[in-house]
Protein backbone atom coordinates (compact mmCIF):
# COMPACT_ATOMS: atom_id res chain seq x y z
CA MET A 1 -7.78 -133.31 -65.79
CA LYS A 2 -10.73 -131.25 -67.02
CA GLN A 3 -12.30 -131.07 -63.52
CA VAL A 4 -8.82 -129.93 -62.18
CA ALA A 5 -8.50 -127.19 -64.73
CA HIS A 6 -12.08 -125.96 -64.17
CA ALA A 7 -11.46 -125.88 -60.50
CA PHE A 8 -8.38 -123.91 -61.02
CA LEU A 9 -9.65 -121.49 -63.62
CA GLY A 10 -12.74 -120.75 -61.74
CA PRO A 11 -10.97 -118.56 -59.02
CA VAL A 12 -8.61 -117.12 -61.60
CA LEU A 13 -11.45 -115.95 -63.89
CA ALA A 14 -13.40 -114.55 -60.96
CA SER A 15 -10.34 -112.66 -59.97
CA TYR A 16 -9.84 -111.24 -63.54
CA PHE A 17 -13.45 -110.03 -63.57
CA VAL A 18 -13.14 -108.36 -59.95
CA ILE A 19 -9.89 -106.70 -61.15
CA SER A 20 -11.42 -105.60 -64.53
CA GLY A 21 -14.52 -104.34 -62.60
CA MET A 22 -12.33 -102.24 -60.33
CA SER A 23 -10.34 -100.77 -63.10
CA ALA A 24 -13.57 -99.67 -64.75
CA LEU A 25 -14.85 -98.28 -61.57
CA GLY A 26 -11.72 -96.40 -61.10
CA GLN A 27 -11.94 -94.87 -64.61
CA GLU A 28 -15.58 -94.16 -64.19
CA LYS A 29 -14.80 -92.09 -61.01
CA ALA A 30 -12.03 -90.32 -62.71
CA ASP A 31 -14.28 -89.53 -65.59
CA ALA A 32 -16.76 -88.33 -63.22
CA LEU A 33 -14.40 -85.12 -63.05
CA LEU A 34 -14.89 -84.40 -66.72
CA ASP A 35 -17.16 -81.70 -68.12
CA PRO A 36 -19.93 -83.82 -69.84
CA ARG A 37 -19.45 -82.01 -72.98
CA GLU A 38 -15.85 -83.10 -72.98
CA ALA A 39 -16.96 -86.56 -72.17
CA GLU A 40 -19.10 -86.55 -75.14
CA GLU A 41 -16.16 -85.34 -77.28
CA GLY A 42 -14.10 -88.30 -76.28
CA PHE A 43 -11.99 -87.11 -73.41
CA PHE A 44 -11.28 -89.11 -70.49
CA SER A 45 -9.24 -88.31 -67.30
CA LEU A 46 -5.73 -89.35 -66.64
CA PHE A 47 -5.63 -87.95 -62.95
CA ASN A 48 -8.53 -89.07 -60.83
CA GLY A 49 -7.91 -86.29 -58.15
CA LYS A 50 -7.29 -88.96 -55.36
CA ASN A 51 -4.26 -90.87 -55.90
CA LEU A 52 -1.58 -91.61 -58.62
CA ASP A 53 -3.21 -94.65 -60.21
CA GLY A 54 -2.35 -95.03 -63.76
CA TRP A 55 1.07 -93.08 -63.09
CA ARG A 56 4.67 -94.13 -62.23
CA VAL A 57 7.40 -92.06 -60.47
CA ARG A 58 10.63 -92.49 -62.19
CA GLY A 59 12.74 -90.95 -59.53
CA ALA A 60 13.95 -92.54 -56.20
CA ASN A 61 11.86 -90.05 -54.13
CA LYS A 62 8.44 -91.43 -54.54
CA ASP A 63 6.90 -88.62 -52.21
CA ALA A 64 8.07 -85.91 -54.54
CA PHE A 65 4.59 -86.19 -56.22
CA ARG A 66 1.49 -86.11 -53.87
CA VAL A 67 -2.22 -85.51 -54.12
CA GLU A 68 -4.12 -83.06 -52.03
CA ASN A 69 -7.79 -81.87 -52.33
CA GLY A 70 -8.05 -83.11 -55.96
CA VAL A 71 -4.71 -81.34 -56.85
CA LEU A 72 -1.57 -83.10 -58.21
CA ILE A 73 1.35 -81.54 -56.20
CA VAL A 74 4.79 -81.49 -57.61
CA THR A 75 6.90 -80.63 -54.49
CA GLY A 76 10.09 -79.68 -55.96
CA ALA A 77 11.77 -82.22 -53.54
CA PRO A 78 15.06 -83.84 -54.69
CA ASP A 79 15.05 -87.12 -56.66
CA GLY A 80 11.48 -86.97 -57.94
CA ASP A 81 12.51 -86.69 -61.51
CA TRP A 82 9.45 -87.40 -63.48
CA LEU A 83 5.83 -88.76 -63.07
CA PHE A 84 4.78 -90.79 -66.21
CA THR A 85 1.60 -92.26 -67.35
CA THR A 86 1.68 -95.95 -67.45
CA GLU A 87 0.06 -96.00 -70.92
CA GLU A 88 1.49 -94.44 -74.19
CA TYR A 89 -0.20 -92.15 -76.46
CA ASP A 90 0.46 -91.06 -80.03
CA ASP A 91 -2.18 -88.78 -81.52
CA PHE A 92 -4.14 -86.92 -78.99
CA VAL A 93 -5.50 -83.64 -77.38
CA LEU A 94 -4.18 -83.17 -74.00
CA ARG A 95 -5.78 -80.53 -71.75
CA LEU A 96 -4.62 -79.64 -68.33
CA GLU A 97 -4.41 -76.73 -65.63
CA PHE A 98 -1.32 -75.85 -63.71
CA ARG A 99 -0.49 -73.22 -60.96
CA LEU A 100 2.65 -71.65 -60.07
CA VAL A 101 2.87 -70.91 -56.26
CA GLU A 102 6.47 -70.10 -55.36
CA ASN A 103 6.64 -66.26 -55.31
CA LYS A 104 9.92 -66.08 -53.46
CA PRO A 105 13.07 -64.27 -54.93
CA GLY A 106 14.92 -66.67 -57.17
CA ALA A 107 12.07 -69.23 -57.61
CA GLU A 108 11.96 -70.40 -61.18
CA CYS A 109 8.48 -72.27 -60.73
CA ASN A 110 10.13 -74.90 -63.12
CA SER A 111 8.24 -77.90 -64.27
CA GLY A 112 7.24 -79.44 -67.64
CA VAL A 113 4.83 -81.66 -69.59
CA ALA A 114 6.38 -84.36 -71.52
CA ILE A 115 4.73 -85.87 -74.59
CA ARG A 116 5.46 -88.86 -76.52
CA ALA A 117 8.43 -89.47 -74.21
CA PRO A 118 10.03 -92.93 -73.61
CA GLN A 119 10.53 -93.80 -69.92
CA GLU A 120 14.31 -93.76 -70.24
CA GLY A 121 16.50 -90.86 -70.89
CA ASP A 122 15.74 -86.98 -70.84
CA PRO A 123 12.07 -86.50 -72.11
CA ALA A 124 12.99 -82.96 -73.22
CA TYR A 125 15.15 -84.60 -75.97
CA ALA A 126 14.12 -88.31 -76.01
CA GLY A 127 10.55 -87.14 -76.48
CA MET A 128 9.28 -83.54 -76.27
CA GLU A 129 8.74 -81.34 -73.04
CA ILE A 130 6.33 -78.41 -73.05
CA GLN A 131 7.93 -75.97 -70.71
CA VAL A 132 6.26 -74.75 -67.40
CA LEU A 133 8.15 -71.79 -65.94
CA ARG A 134 7.56 -68.37 -64.18
CA PRO A 135 6.28 -65.56 -66.27
CA ASP A 136 8.52 -63.28 -68.26
CA TRP A 137 11.52 -65.74 -68.51
CA GLU A 138 14.22 -64.13 -70.49
CA THR A 139 15.25 -67.07 -72.88
CA PRO A 140 12.31 -67.48 -75.53
CA TRP A 141 12.73 -71.27 -75.92
CA GLN A 142 12.44 -71.61 -72.07
CA ARG A 143 9.31 -69.71 -71.70
CA ALA A 144 6.01 -71.15 -70.82
CA GLY A 145 4.45 -73.48 -73.27
CA ALA A 146 7.84 -73.68 -75.43
CA ILE A 147 8.87 -76.97 -76.99
CA TYR A 148 11.98 -76.96 -74.65
CA HIS A 149 15.15 -75.89 -76.59
CA VAL A 150 13.46 -75.75 -79.88
CA VAL A 151 10.19 -73.93 -80.26
CA PRO A 152 9.49 -70.54 -78.52
CA PRO A 153 5.86 -69.32 -78.01
CA LYS A 154 4.70 -66.45 -80.25
CA VAL A 155 3.30 -64.77 -77.24
CA GLN A 156 3.59 -64.99 -73.58
CA ALA A 157 0.11 -65.86 -72.36
CA GLN A 158 0.75 -67.07 -68.80
CA LYS A 159 -1.09 -65.69 -65.93
CA LYS A 160 0.37 -64.29 -62.73
CA ILE A 161 1.86 -66.62 -60.06
CA GLY A 162 -0.92 -67.98 -57.87
CA GLU A 163 -3.41 -68.32 -60.88
CA TRP A 164 -4.54 -71.44 -62.71
CA ASN A 165 -3.45 -71.58 -66.31
CA SER A 166 -5.32 -73.77 -68.86
CA MET A 167 -3.01 -75.67 -71.35
CA GLU A 168 -4.00 -77.42 -74.45
CA ILE A 169 -1.48 -79.75 -76.53
CA ARG A 170 -2.61 -81.15 -79.82
CA CYS A 171 -0.56 -83.87 -81.42
CA GLU A 172 -1.45 -85.35 -84.82
CA GLY A 173 1.37 -87.04 -86.46
CA VAL A 174 3.92 -84.45 -87.31
CA ARG A 175 1.92 -81.57 -86.29
CA ILE A 176 2.04 -80.09 -82.71
CA ARG A 177 -0.10 -77.18 -81.60
CA THR A 178 -0.06 -75.66 -78.25
CA MET A 179 -2.48 -73.36 -76.64
CA LEU A 180 -2.19 -71.39 -73.26
CA ASN A 181 -5.07 -69.66 -71.77
CA GLY A 182 -6.91 -69.56 -74.98
CA GLN A 183 -4.01 -68.09 -77.03
CA GLU A 184 -2.08 -70.13 -79.74
CA LEU A 185 1.58 -70.38 -78.79
CA TYR A 186 2.63 -72.18 -82.10
CA ASP A 187 1.33 -74.69 -84.60
CA ILE A 188 4.20 -76.43 -86.16
CA ARG A 189 5.08 -79.69 -88.15
CA THR A 190 8.16 -81.58 -86.74
CA THR A 191 9.23 -82.16 -90.14
CA ASP A 192 10.36 -78.56 -90.42
CA TYR A 193 12.81 -79.12 -87.75
CA ALA A 194 15.08 -81.62 -89.26
CA VAL A 195 18.52 -80.17 -88.88
CA LYS A 196 20.76 -81.72 -86.43
CA GLU A 197 22.67 -78.85 -84.76
CA ASP A 198 24.21 -80.62 -81.84
CA TRP A 199 23.90 -83.84 -79.79
CA ARG A 200 20.17 -83.35 -79.54
CA LEU A 201 17.82 -85.24 -81.79
CA PRO A 202 15.89 -82.83 -84.24
CA LEU A 203 12.14 -82.72 -83.70
CA THR A 204 11.66 -84.94 -86.86
CA ASP A 205 13.63 -87.77 -85.45
CA ARG A 206 11.72 -87.95 -82.03
CA PRO A 207 9.13 -90.69 -81.29
CA LEU A 208 5.46 -90.19 -82.50
CA LYS A 209 4.26 -92.33 -79.71
CA GLY A 210 5.26 -92.45 -75.86
CA HIS A 211 4.17 -91.41 -72.33
CA ILE A 212 2.66 -88.28 -70.93
CA GLY A 213 4.86 -86.87 -68.12
CA ILE A 214 5.00 -84.35 -65.33
CA GLN A 215 8.44 -83.05 -64.04
CA ASP A 216 9.62 -82.45 -60.64
CA HIS A 217 12.40 -79.76 -60.60
CA LEU A 218 12.97 -77.02 -58.09
CA ASP A 219 9.87 -75.54 -56.80
CA ARG A 220 6.22 -76.46 -55.98
CA VAL A 221 4.04 -76.65 -58.99
CA GLU A 222 0.37 -77.83 -59.09
CA PHE A 223 -1.61 -79.64 -61.77
CA ARG A 224 -5.29 -80.54 -61.99
CA ASN A 225 -7.97 -81.68 -64.56
CA ILE A 226 -5.59 -83.65 -66.54
CA ARG A 227 -7.56 -85.09 -69.51
CA ILE A 228 -6.88 -86.62 -72.89
CA LYS A 229 -8.70 -87.28 -75.99
CA PRO A 230 -7.16 -89.95 -78.64
CA LEU A 231 -7.18 -88.91 -82.19
CA PRO A 232 -7.08 -91.11 -85.27
CA ALA A 233 -3.81 -91.20 -86.98
CA PRO A 234 -3.63 -88.60 -89.72
CA VAL A 235 -2.40 -89.64 -93.21
CA GLU A 236 -0.38 -87.56 -95.60
CA PRO A 237 -0.87 -87.76 -99.24
CA ALA A 238 0.59 -90.64 -100.97
CA GLN A 239 4.22 -90.33 -101.93
CA ASN A 240 5.73 -93.00 -104.28
CA GLY A 241 2.46 -94.88 -103.91
CA GLU A 242 3.03 -95.30 -100.21
CA PRO A 243 0.73 -93.30 -97.77
CA GLN A 244 2.67 -91.63 -95.02
CA ARG A 245 1.54 -90.76 -91.54
CA GLY A 246 1.86 -87.05 -90.83
CA ASP A 247 -0.04 -84.00 -91.50
CA PRO A 248 -3.85 -84.07 -90.80
């Protein structure tokens, strides 16, 4: 029996190490896109610039997301829905660049970045969606960088259509801080948004861990240099003798 087991396990273990080696090699190639200083800080790439390894298209149209010349193209085609990371993240700094390209009349350039989202339901309400939209949008809580439907940006820091924008989203427990092109849009605590005004969950009741996502909506939007740095979970001062996860 032992000889049979060894004969069976040999190929299995060999396959495991081959697959593990391939995964490590894939991550190594992805991380080669990083600025060395960011790599030293603990960032790693979520998008390798070649394919959608590490991501999952939720919608029926798997071709709504594609890769061209190191850029993730959100085509705006019907039924793409959302592109999610296969892994979940809780506390992190997420950095990425996006570019709006549709400058035709009526184009919304609508997309979004989901954070801490489940793979089921609408990420804008089941998790959180950081809005991507054309400049000078009329409704404040829909403007670029807003936490959709809840927190509007303090400033409109978006560049013109056709130019690359740099976004940073920092999640530490209940703290959410978003920067756009070097300007702070907000620095909030979800515990300050606890009132249930309608059917939507207040921010304080939304998950502290979930997937990163990119939305396919109406128009072509491009993303690149998507990288993340996991953070240790912050701990609030003890309440009633029990430490609470929350503010850094």
